[in-house]
PDB file of all heavy atoms in Angstrom:
ATOM      1  N   HIS A   1       0.853  -1.197   0.001  1.00  0.00           N
ATOM      2  CA  HIS A   1      -0.001   0.010   0.017  1.00  0.00           C
ATOM      3  C   HIS A   1       0.885   1.250  -0.004  1.00  0.00           C
ATOM      4  O   HIS A   1       2.086   1.188   0.313  1.00  0.00           O
ATOM      5  CB  HIS A   1      -0.904   0.055   1.266  1.00  0.00           C
ATOM      6  CG  HIS A   1      -1.762  -1.132   1.432  1.00  0.00           C
ATOM      7  ND1 HIS A   1      -2.935  -1.342   0.723  1.00  0.00           N
ATOM      8  CD2 HIS A   1      -1.676  -2.187   2.288  1.00  0.00           C
ATOM      9  CE1 HIS A   1      -3.486  -2.479   1.086  1.00  0.00           C
ATOM     10  NE2 HIS A   1      -2.764  -3.002   2.084  1.00  0.00           N
ATOM     11  N   ASN A   2       0.267   2.366  -0.291  1.00  0.00           N
ATOM     12  CA  ASN A   2       0.868   3.655  -0.085  1.00  0.00           C
ATOM     13  C   ASN A   2       0.591   4.019   1.402  1.00  0.00           C
ATOM     14  O   ASN A   2      -0.551   4.258   1.789  1.00  0.00           O
ATOM     15  CB  ASN A   2       0.296   4.716  -1.024  1.00  0.00           C
ATOM     16  CG  ASN A   2       0.931   6.077  -0.861  1.00  0.00           C
ATOM     17  OD1 ASN A   2       1.154   6.573   0.261  1.00  0.00           O
ATOM     18  ND2 ASN A   2       1.261   6.722  -1.954  1.00  0.00           N
ATOM     19  N   PHE A   3       1.645   4.093   2.226  1.00  0.00           N
ATOM     20  CA  PHE A   3       1.500   4.309   3.627  1.00  0.00           C
ATOM     21  C   PHE A   3       1.836   5.754   4.044  1.00  0.00           C
ATOM     22  O   PHE A   3       2.199   6.016   5.196  1.00  0.00           O
ATOM     23  CB  PHE A   3       2.411   3.346   4.418  1.00  0.00           C
ATOM     24  CG  PHE A   3       1.823   1.960   4.548  1.00  0.00           C
ATOM     25  CD1 PHE A   3       2.223   0.955   3.699  1.00  0.00           C
ATOM     26  CD2 PHE A   3       0.868   1.674   5.491  1.00  0.00           C
ATOM     27  CE1 PHE A   3       1.719  -0.343   3.788  1.00  0.00           C
ATOM     28  CE2 PHE A   3       0.342   0.380   5.622  1.00  0.00           C
ATOM     29  CZ  PHE A   3       0.739  -0.631   4.752  1.00  0.00           C
ATOM     30  N   LYS A   4       1.652   6.717   3.113  1.00  0.00           N
ATOM     31  CA  LYS A   4       1.990   8.081   3.423  1.00  0.00           C
ATOM     32  C   LYS A   4       1.243   8.608   4.642  1.00  0.00           C
ATOM     33  O   LYS A   4       1.736   9.397   5.405  1.00  0.00           O
ATOM     34  CB  LYS A   4       1.709   8.972   2.207  1.00  0.00           C
ATOM     35  CG  LYS A   4       2.195  10.414   2.357  1.00  0.00           C
ATOM     36  CD  LYS A   4       1.997  11.196   1.108  1.00  0.00           C
ATOM     37  CE  LYS A   4       2.505  12.614   1.254  1.00  0.00           C
ATOM     38  NZ  LYS A   4       2.337  13.434   0.032  1.00  0.00           N
ATOM     39  N   ALA A   5      -0.021   8.163   4.840  1.00  0.00           N
ATOM     40  CA  ALA A   5      -0.815   8.572   5.978  1.00  0.00           C
ATOM     41  C   ALA A   5      -0.240   8.095   7.305  1.00  0.00           C
ATOM     42  O   ALA A   5      -0.590   8.646   8.365  1.00  0.00           O
ATOM     43  CB  ALA A   5      -2.272   8.122   5.827  1.00  0.00           C
ATOM     44  N   PHE A   6       0.648   7.121   7.216  1.00  0.00           N
ATOM     45  CA  PHE A   6       1.247   6.507   8.404  1.00  0.00           C
ATOM     46  C   PHE A   6       2.683   6.959   8.617  1.00  0.00           C
ATOM     47  O   PHE A   6       3.465   6.259   9.252  1.00  0.00           O
ATOM     48  CB  PHE A   6       1.159   4.991   8.340  1.00  0.00           C
ATOM     49  CG  PHE A   6      -0.283   4.491   8.367  1.00  0.00           C
ATOM     50  CD1 PHE A   6      -1.093   4.515   7.211  1.00  0.00           C
ATOM     51  CD2 PHE A   6      -0.840   4.011   9.546  1.00  0.00           C
ATOM     52  CE1 PHE A   6      -2.385   4.074   7.250  1.00  0.00           C
ATOM     53  CE2 PHE A   6      -2.136   3.584   9.605  1.00  0.00           C
ATOM     54  CZ  PHE A   6      -2.945   3.591   8.443  1.00  0.00           C
ATOM     55  N   MET A   7       3.031   8.105   8.104  1.00  0.00           N
ATOM     56  CA  MET A   7       4.355   8.655   8.275  1.00  0.00           C
ATOM     57  C   MET A   7       4.245  10.043   8.994  1.00  0.00           C
ATOM     58  O   MET A   7       3.440  10.871   8.582  1.00  0.00           O
ATOM     59  CB  MET A   7       5.060   8.862   6.917  1.00  0.00           C
ATOM     60  CG  MET A   7       6.474   9.407   7.038  1.00  0.00           C
ATOM     61  SD  MET A   7       7.275   9.640   5.397  1.00  0.00           S
ATOM     62  CE  MET A   7       6.441  11.145   4.850  1.00  0.00           C
ATOM     63  N   SER A   8       5.058  10.240   9.998  1.00  0.00           N
ATOM     64  CA  SER A   8       5.076  11.540  10.716  1.00  0.00           C
ATOM     65  C   SER A   8       5.700  12.610   9.851  1.00  0.00           C
ATOM     66  O   SER A   8       6.529  12.345   8.970  1.00  0.00           O
ATOM     67  CB  SER A   8       5.884  11.443  12.013  1.00  0.00           C
ATOM     68  OG  SER A   8       5.154  10.624  12.977  1.00  0.00           O
ATOM     69  N   ALA A   9       5.330  13.875  10.121  1.00  0.00           N
ATOM     70  CA  ALA A   9       5.946  15.004   9.493  1.00  0.00           C
ATOM     71  C   ALA A   9       7.441  14.950   9.794  1.00  0.00           C
ATOM     72  O   ALA A   9       7.872  14.631  10.897  1.00  0.00           O
ATOM     73  CB  ALA A   9       5.346  16.296  10.011  1.00  0.00           C
ATOM     74  N   GLY A  10       8.254  15.285   8.814  1.00  0.00           N
ATOM     75  CA  GLY A  10       9.705  15.229   8.987  1.00  0.00           C
ATOM     76  C   GLY A  10      10.323  14.011   8.341  1.00  0.00           C
ATOM     77  O   GLY A  10      11.533  13.907   8.211  1.00  0.00           O
ATOM     78  N   GLY A  11       9.491  13.033   7.912  1.00  0.00           N
ATOM     79  CA  GLY A  11      10.009  11.879   7.205  1.00  0.00           C
ATOM     80  C   GLY A  11      10.590  12.276   5.857  1.00  0.00           C
ATOM     81  O   GLY A  11      10.044  13.200   5.178  1.00  0.00           O
ATOM     82  N   GLN A  12      11.713  11.707   5.486  1.00  0.00           N
ATOM     83  CA  GLN A  12      12.445  12.129   4.286  1.00  0.00           C
ATOM     84  C   GLN A  12      12.270  11.177   3.107  1.00  0.00           C
ATOM     85  O   GLN A  12      12.895  11.370   2.053  1.00  0.00           O
ATOM     86  CB  GLN A  12      13.917  12.307   4.625  1.00  0.00           C
ATOM     87  CG  GLN A  12      14.173  13.341   5.685  1.00  0.00           C
ATOM     88  CD  GLN A  12      15.661  13.458   6.078  1.00  0.00           C
ATOM     89  OE1 GLN A  12      16.499  12.653   5.635  1.00  0.00           O
ATOM     90  NE2 GLN A  12      15.948  14.434   6.893  1.00  0.00           N
ATOM     91  N   SER A  13      11.409  10.177   3.276  1.00  0.00           N
ATOM     92  CA  SER A  13      11.226   9.208   2.167  1.00  0.00           C
ATOM     93  C   SER A  13      10.540   9.915   0.969  1.00  0.00           C
ATOM     94  O   SER A  13       9.627  10.698   1.142  1.00  0.00           O
ATOM     95  CB  SER A  13      10.349   8.067   2.629  1.00  0.00           C
ATOM     96  OG  SER A  13      10.974   7.350   3.677  1.00  0.00           O
ATOM     97  N   LYS A  14      11.006   9.566  -0.210  1.00  0.00           N
ATOM     98  CA  LYS A  14      10.424  10.104  -1.422  1.00  0.00           C
ATOM     99  C   LYS A  14       9.382   9.186  -2.042  1.00  0.00           C
ATOM    100  O   LYS A  14       8.573   9.559  -2.886  1.00  0.00           O
ATOM    101  CB  LYS A  14      11.518  10.426  -2.449  1.00  0.00           C
ATOM    102  CG  LYS A  14      12.463  11.560  -2.028  1.00  0.00           C
ATOM    103  CD  LYS A  14      13.485  11.836  -3.071  1.00  0.00           C
ATOM    104  CE  LYS A  14      14.328  13.099  -2.736  1.00  0.00           C
ATOM    105  NZ  LYS A  14      15.072  12.940  -1.511  1.00  0.00           N
ATOM    106  N   THR A  15       9.431   7.912  -1.627  1.00  0.00           N
ATOM    107  CA  THR A  15       8.389   6.950  -2.040  1.00  0.00           C
ATOM    108  C   THR A  15       7.705   6.404  -0.794  1.00  0.00           C
ATOM    109  O   THR A  15       8.362   6.277   0.247  1.00  0.00           O
ATOM    110  CB  THR A  15       9.026   5.784  -2.832  1.00  0.00           C
ATOM    111  OG1 THR A  15       9.950   5.081  -1.988  1.00  0.00           O
ATOM    112  CG2 THR A  15       9.746   6.282  -4.092  1.00  0.00           C
ATOM    113  N   PHE A  16       6.430   6.092  -0.948  1.00  0.00           N
ATOM    114  CA  PHE A  16       5.631   5.760   0.245  1.00  0.00           C
ATOM    115  C   PHE A  16       5.019   4.354   0.176  1.00  0.00           C
ATOM    116  O   PHE A  16       4.288   3.979   1.070  1.00  0.00           O
ATOM    117  CB  PHE A  16       4.526   6.814   0.427  1.00  0.00           C
ATOM    118  CG  PHE A  16       5.062   8.214   0.429  1.00  0.00           C
ATOM    119  CD1 PHE A  16       4.857   9.033  -0.707  1.00  0.00           C
ATOM    120  CD2 PHE A  16       5.760   8.716   1.486  1.00  0.00           C
ATOM    121  CE1 PHE A  16       5.359  10.295  -0.745  1.00  0.00           C
ATOM    122  CE2 PHE A  16       6.278  10.015   1.470  1.00  0.00           C
ATOM    123  CZ  PHE A  16       6.057  10.817   0.340  1.00  0.00           C
ATOM    124  N   GLU A  17       5.330   3.636  -0.894  1.00  0.00           N
ATOM    125  CA  GLU A  17       4.770   2.304  -1.021  1.00  0.00           C
ATOM    126  C   GLU A  17       5.676   1.305  -0.259  1.00  0.00           C
ATOM    127  O   GLU A  17       6.872   1.265  -0.440  1.00  0.00           O
ATOM    128  CB  GLU A  17       4.719   1.895  -2.501  1.00  0.00           C
ATOM    129  CG  GLU A  17       3.934   0.584  -2.740  1.00  0.00           C
ATOM    130  CD  GLU A  17       3.758   0.312  -4.204  1.00  0.00           C
ATOM    131  OE1 GLU A  17       2.783   0.858  -4.808  1.00  0.00           O
ATOM    132  OE2 GLU A  17       4.581  -0.453  -4.760  1.00  0.00           O
ATOM    133  N   ARG A  18       5.028   0.567   0.639  1.00  0.00           N
ATOM    134  CA  ARG A  18       5.706  -0.464   1.407  1.00  0.00           C
ATOM    135  C   ARG A  18       4.826  -1.707   1.481  1.00  0.00           C
ATOM    136  O   ARG A  18       3.635  -1.623   1.290  1.00  0.00           O
ATOM    137  CB  ARG A  18       5.958   0.021   2.858  1.00  0.00           C
ATOM    138  CG  ARG A  18       6.873   1.275   2.940  1.00  0.00           C
ATOM    139  CD  ARG A  18       8.306   0.982   2.524  1.00  0.00           C
ATOM    140  NE  ARG A  18       9.188   2.111   2.735  1.00  0.00           N
ATOM    141  CZ  ARG A  18       9.403   3.133   1.902  1.00  0.00           C
ATOM    142  NH1 ARG A  18       8.715   3.155   0.763  1.00  0.00           N
ATOM    143  NH2 ARG A  18      10.237   4.099   2.202  1.00  0.00           N
ATOM    144  N   LYS A  19       5.473  -2.845   1.762  1.00  0.00           N
ATOM    145  CA  LYS A  19       4.716  -4.099   1.837  1.00  0.00           C
ATOM    146  C   LYS A  19       4.726  -4.612   3.278  1.00  0.00           C
ATOM    147  O   LYS A  19       5.802  -4.754   3.891  1.00  0.00           O
ATOM    148  CB  LYS A  19       5.322  -5.167   0.907  1.00  0.00           C
ATOM    149  CG  LYS A  19       4.544  -6.491   0.921  1.00  0.00           C
ATOM    150  CD  LYS A  19       5.045  -7.456  -0.132  1.00  0.00           C
ATOM    151  CE  LYS A  19       4.209  -8.731  -0.183  1.00  0.00           C
ATOM    152  NZ  LYS A  19       4.705  -9.683  -1.223  1.00  0.00           N
ATOM    153  N   ILE A  20       3.540  -4.842   3.828  1.00  0.00           N
ATOM    154  CA  ILE A  20       3.407  -5.460   5.127  1.00  0.00           C
ATOM    155  C   ILE A  20       3.107  -6.930   4.951  1.00  0.00           C
ATOM    156  O   ILE A  20       2.093  -7.298   4.318  1.00  0.00           O
ATOM    157  CB  ILE A  20       2.278  -4.791   5.938  1.00  0.00           C
ATOM    158  CG1 ILE A  20       2.613  -3.323   6.217  1.00  0.00           C
ATOM    159  CG2 ILE A  20       2.075  -5.537   7.286  1.00  0.00           C
ATOM    160  CD1 ILE A  20       3.829  -3.110   7.109  1.00  0.00           C
ATOM    161  N   PHE A  21       3.973  -7.783   5.440  1.00  0.00           N
ATOM    162  CA  PHE A  21       3.779  -9.248   5.317  1.00  0.00           C
ATOM    163  C   PHE A  21       2.843  -9.809   6.350  1.00  0.00           C
ATOM    164  O   PHE A  21       2.043 -10.704   6.074  1.00  0.00           O
ATOM    165  CB  PHE A  21       5.116  -9.961   5.421  1.00  0.00           C
ATOM    166  CG  PHE A  21       6.075  -9.613   4.321  1.00  0.00           C
ATOM    167  CD1 PHE A  21       7.126  -8.739   4.530  1.00  0.00           C
ATOM    168  CD2 PHE A  21       5.953 -10.159   3.048  1.00  0.00           C
ATOM    169  CE1 PHE A  21       8.031  -8.418   3.523  1.00  0.00           C
ATOM    170  CE2 PHE A  21       6.849  -9.858   2.027  1.00  0.00           C
ATOM    171  CZ  PHE A  21       7.854  -8.953   2.247  1.00  0.00           C
ATOM    172  N   ALA A  22       2.940  -9.288   7.585  1.00  0.00           N
ATOM    173  CA  ALA A  22       2.096  -9.791   8.666  1.00  0.00           C
ATOM    174  C   ALA A  22       2.038  -8.787   9.806  1.00  0.00           C
ATOM    175  O   ALA A  22       2.996  -8.047  10.060  1.00  0.00           O
ATOM    176  CB  ALA A  22       2.653 -11.111   9.173  1.00  0.00           C
ATOM    177  N   ILE A  23       0.876  -8.787  10.471  1.00  0.00           N
ATOM    178  CA  ILE A  23       0.735  -8.049  11.730  1.00  0.00           C
ATOM    179  C   ILE A  23       0.061  -9.060  12.706  1.00  0.00           C
ATOM    180  O   ILE A  23      -1.067  -9.464  12.478  1.00  0.00           O
ATOM    181  CB  ILE A  23      -0.131  -6.796  11.619  1.00  0.00           C
ATOM    182  CG1 ILE A  23       0.488  -5.832  10.629  1.00  0.00           C
ATOM    183  CG2 ILE A  23      -0.300  -6.120  12.982  1.00  0.00           C
ATOM    184  CD1 ILE A  23      -0.340  -4.559  10.400  1.00  0.00           C
ATOM    185  N   LYS A  24       0.782  -9.412  13.758  1.00  0.00           N
ATOM    186  CA  LYS A  24       0.291 -10.420  14.723  1.00  0.00           C
ATOM    187  C   LYS A  24       0.067  -9.767  16.050  1.00  0.00           C
ATOM    188  O   LYS A  24       0.985  -9.139  16.642  1.00  0.00           O
ATOM    189  CB  LYS A  24       1.286 -11.575  14.832  1.00  0.00           C
ATOM    190  CG  LYS A  24       1.500 -12.336  13.518  1.00  0.00           C
ATOM    191  CD  LYS A  24       2.526 -13.464  13.680  1.00  0.00           C
ATOM    192  CE  LYS A  24       2.757 -14.185  12.355  1.00  0.00           C
ATOM    193  NZ  LYS A  24       3.756 -15.268  12.489  1.00  0.00           N
ATOM    194  N   ILE A  25      -1.118  -9.930  16.581  1.00  0.00           N
ATOM    195  CA  ILE A  25      -1.486  -9.371  17.890  1.00  0.00           C
ATOM    196  C   ILE A  25      -1.750 -10.528  18.852  1.00  0.00           C
ATOM    197  O   ILE A  25      -2.580 -11.378  18.564  1.00  0.00           O
ATOM    198  CB  ILE A  25      -2.733  -8.483  17.781  1.00  0.00           C
ATOM    199  CG1 ILE A  25      -2.581  -7.399  16.709  1.00  0.00           C
ATOM    200  CG2 ILE A  25      -3.089  -7.855  19.125  1.00  0.00           C
ATOM    201  CD1 ILE A  25      -3.847  -6.662  16.358  1.00  0.00           C
ATOM    202  N   LYS A  26      -1.006 -10.542  19.945  1.00  0.00           N
ATOM    203  CA  LYS A  26      -1.114 -11.642  20.931  1.00  0.00           C
ATOM    204  C   LYS A  26      -1.249 -11.085  22.345  1.00  0.00           C
ATOM    205  O   LYS A  26      -0.650 -10.053  22.648  1.00  0.00           O
ATOM    206  CB  LYS A  26       0.067 -12.584  20.845  1.00  0.00           C
ATOM    207  CG  LYS A  26       0.239 -13.283  19.501  1.00  0.00           C
ATOM    208  CD  LYS A  26       1.489 -14.195  19.502  1.00  0.00           C
ATOM    209  CE  LYS A  26       1.654 -14.891  18.162  1.00  0.00           C
ATOM    210  NZ  LYS A  26       2.876 -15.734  18.177  1.00  0.00           N
ATOM    211  N   GLN A  27      -2.006 -11.740  23.152  1.00  0.00           N
ATOM    212  CA  GLN A  27      -2.150 -11.372  24.578  1.00  0.00           C
ATOM    213  C   GLN A  27      -1.947 -12.587  25.458  1.00  0.00           C
ATOM    214  O   GLN A  27      -2.443 -13.672  25.182  1.00  0.00           O
ATOM    215  CB  GLN A  27      -3.510 -10.756  24.863  1.00  0.00           C
ATOM    216  CG  GLN A  27      -3.643 -10.325  26.320  1.00  0.00           C
ATOM    217  CD  GLN A  27      -4.823  -9.358  26.551  1.00  0.00           C
ATOM    218  OE1 GLN A  27      -5.609  -9.147  25.653  1.00  0.00           O
ATOM    219  NE2 GLN A  27      -4.902  -8.805  27.749  1.00  0.00           N
ATOM    220  N   LYS A  28      -1.136 -12.408  26.504  1.00  0.00           N
ATOM    221  CA  LYS A  28      -0.919 -13.389  27.521  1.00  0.00           C
ATOM    222  C   LYS A  28      -1.009 -12.727  28.887  1.00  0.00           C
ATOM    223  O   LYS A  28      -0.158 -11.928  29.214  1.00  0.00           O
ATOM    224  CB  LYS A  28       0.450 -14.069  27.367  1.00  0.00           C
ATOM    225  CG  LYS A  28       0.677 -15.225  28.317  1.00  0.00           C
ATOM    226  CD  LYS A  28       2.014 -15.937  28.047  1.00  0.00           C
ATOM    227  CE  LYS A  28       2.202 -17.102  28.972  1.00  0.00           C
ATOM    228  NZ  LYS A  28       3.509 -17.811  28.742  1.00  0.00           N
ATOM    229  N   GLY A  29      -2.093 -13.027  29.597  1.00  0.00           N
ATOM    230  CA  GLY A  29      -2.305 -12.309  30.860  1.00  0.00           C
ATOM    231  C   GLY A  29      -2.572 -10.828  30.578  1.00  0.00           C
ATOM    232  O   GLY A  29      -3.400 -10.472  29.744  1.00  0.00           O
ATOM    233  N   LYS A  30      -1.820  -9.983  31.237  1.00  0.00           N
ATOM    234  CA  LYS A  30      -1.961  -8.527  31.056  1.00  0.00           C
ATOM    235  C   LYS A  30      -1.143  -8.032  29.872  1.00  0.00           C
ATOM    236  O   LYS A  30      -1.309  -6.880  29.432  1.00  0.00           O
ATOM    237  CB  LYS A  30      -1.506  -7.786  32.318  1.00  0.00           C
ATOM    238  CG  LYS A  30      -2.365  -8.050  33.556  1.00  0.00           C
ATOM    239  CD  LYS A  30      -1.874  -7.222  34.745  1.00  0.00           C
ATOM    240  CE  LYS A  30      -2.774  -7.435  35.967  1.00  0.00           C
ATOM    241  NZ  LYS A  30      -2.328  -6.609  37.079  1.00  0.00           N
ATOM    242  N   ASP A  31      -0.256  -8.836  29.345  1.00  0.00           N
ATOM    243  CA  ASP A  31       0.702  -8.387  28.323  1.00  0.00           C
ATOM    244  C   ASP A  31       0.203  -8.615  26.915  1.00  0.00           C
ATOM    245  O   ASP A  31      -0.315  -9.698  26.598  1.00  0.00           O
ATOM    246  CB  ASP A  31       2.029  -9.122  28.499  1.00  0.00           C
ATOM    247  CG  ASP A  31       2.695  -8.795  29.830  1.00  0.00           C
ATOM    248  OD1 ASP A  31       2.696  -7.607  30.214  1.00  0.00           O
ATOM    249  OD2 ASP A  31       3.172  -9.748  30.489  1.00  0.00           O
ATOM    250  N   ILE A  32       0.319  -7.588  26.083  1.00  0.00           N
ATOM    251  CA  ILE A  32      -0.063  -7.650  24.675  1.00  0.00           C
ATOM    252  C   ILE A  32       1.195  -7.337  23.840  1.00  0.00           C
ATOM    253  O   ILE A  32       1.945  -6.388  24.172  1.00  0.00           O
ATOM    254  CB  ILE A  32      -1.156  -6.616  24.336  1.00  0.00           C
ATOM    255  CG1 ILE A  32      -2.433  -6.904  25.133  1.00  0.00           C
ATOM    256  CG2 ILE A  32      -1.461  -6.642  22.832  1.00  0.00           C
ATOM    257  CD1 ILE A  32      -3.508  -5.853  25.017  1.00  0.00           C
ATOM    258  N   THR A  33       1.408  -8.098  22.804  1.00  0.00           N
ATOM    259  CA  THR A  33       2.477  -7.793  21.835  1.00  0.00           C
ATOM    260  C   THR A  33       1.873  -7.609  20.449  1.00  0.00           C
ATOM    261  O   THR A  33       0.949  -8.346  20.076  1.00  0.00           O
ATOM    262  CB  THR A  33       3.584  -8.853  21.788  1.00  0.00           C
ATOM    263  OG1 THR A  33       2.976 -10.122  21.455  1.00  0.00           O
ATOM    264  CG2 THR A  33       4.267  -8.974  23.138  1.00  0.00           C
ATOM    265  N   ILE A  34       2.381  -6.651  19.689  1.00  0.00           N
ATOM    266  CA  ILE A  34       2.011  -6.445  18.313  1.00  0.00           C
ATOM    267  C   ILE A  34       3.276  -6.529  17.470  1.00  0.00           C
ATOM    268  O   ILE A  34       4.157  -5.681  17.593  1.00  0.00           O
ATOM    269  CB  ILE A  34       1.333  -5.086  18.126  1.00  0.00           C
ATOM    270  CG1 ILE A  34       0.072  -5.006  19.005  1.00  0.00           C
ATOM    271  CG2 ILE A  34       0.957  -4.910  16.658  1.00  0.00           C
ATOM    272  CD1 ILE A  34      -0.599  -3.653  18.952  1.00  0.00           C
ATOM    273  N   ASP A  35       3.379  -7.575  16.651  1.00  0.00           N
ATOM    274  CA  ASP A  35       4.543  -7.755  15.789  1.00  0.00           C
ATOM    275  C   ASP A  35       4.159  -7.317  14.386  1.00  0.00           C
ATOM    276  O   ASP A  35       3.125  -7.806  13.831  1.00  0.00           O
ATOM    277  CB  ASP A  35       4.975  -9.225  15.743  1.00  0.00           C
ATOM    278  CG  ASP A  35       5.761  -9.609  16.993  1.00  0.00           C
ATOM    279  OD1 ASP A  35       5.821  -8.815  17.937  1.00  0.00           O
ATOM    280  OD2 ASP A  35       6.318 -10.736  17.021  1.00  0.00           O
ATOM    281  N   VAL A  36       4.947  -6.431  13.782  1.00  0.00           N
ATOM    282  CA  VAL A  36       4.703  -5.937  12.438  1.00  0.00           C
ATOM    283  C   VAL A  36       5.887  -6.300  11.575  1.00  0.00           C
ATOM    284  O   VAL A  36       7.025  -5.850  11.827  1.00  0.00           O
ATOM    285  CB  VAL A  36       4.506  -4.402  12.432  1.00  0.00           C
ATOM    286  CG1 VAL A  36       4.162  -3.937  11.050  1.00  0.00           C
ATOM    287  CG2 VAL A  36       3.382  -3.992  13.431  1.00  0.00           C
ATOM    288  N   THR A  37       5.652  -7.100  10.546  1.00  0.00           N
ATOM    289  CA  THR A  37       6.726  -7.512   9.632  1.00  0.00           C
ATOM    290  C   THR A  37       6.500  -6.902   8.267  1.00  0.00           C
ATOM    291  O   THR A  37       5.401  -7.020   7.711  1.00  0.00           O
ATOM    292  CB  THR A  37       6.744  -9.077   9.514  1.00  0.00           C
ATOM    293  OG1 THR A  37       6.943  -9.652  10.769  1.00  0.00           O
ATOM    294  CG2 THR A  37       7.865  -9.509   8.565  1.00  0.00           C
ATOM    295  N   GLY A  38       7.519  -6.238   7.764  1.00  0.00           N
ATOM    296  CA  GLY A  38       7.386  -5.562   6.471  1.00  0.00           C
ATOM    297  C   GLY A  38       8.667  -5.541   5.686  1.00  0.00           C
ATOM    298  O   GLY A  38       9.755  -5.913   6.179  1.00  0.00           O
TER     299      GLY A  38
END
């Protein structure tokens, strides 16, 4: 996708297309982890 909306002001990238392979959300007890692979 074009992820320009997900970049903070000040980013210097000239292209905004990136590929996200996986986003995994897991919870164990009180702890949550979010793994983003791209």
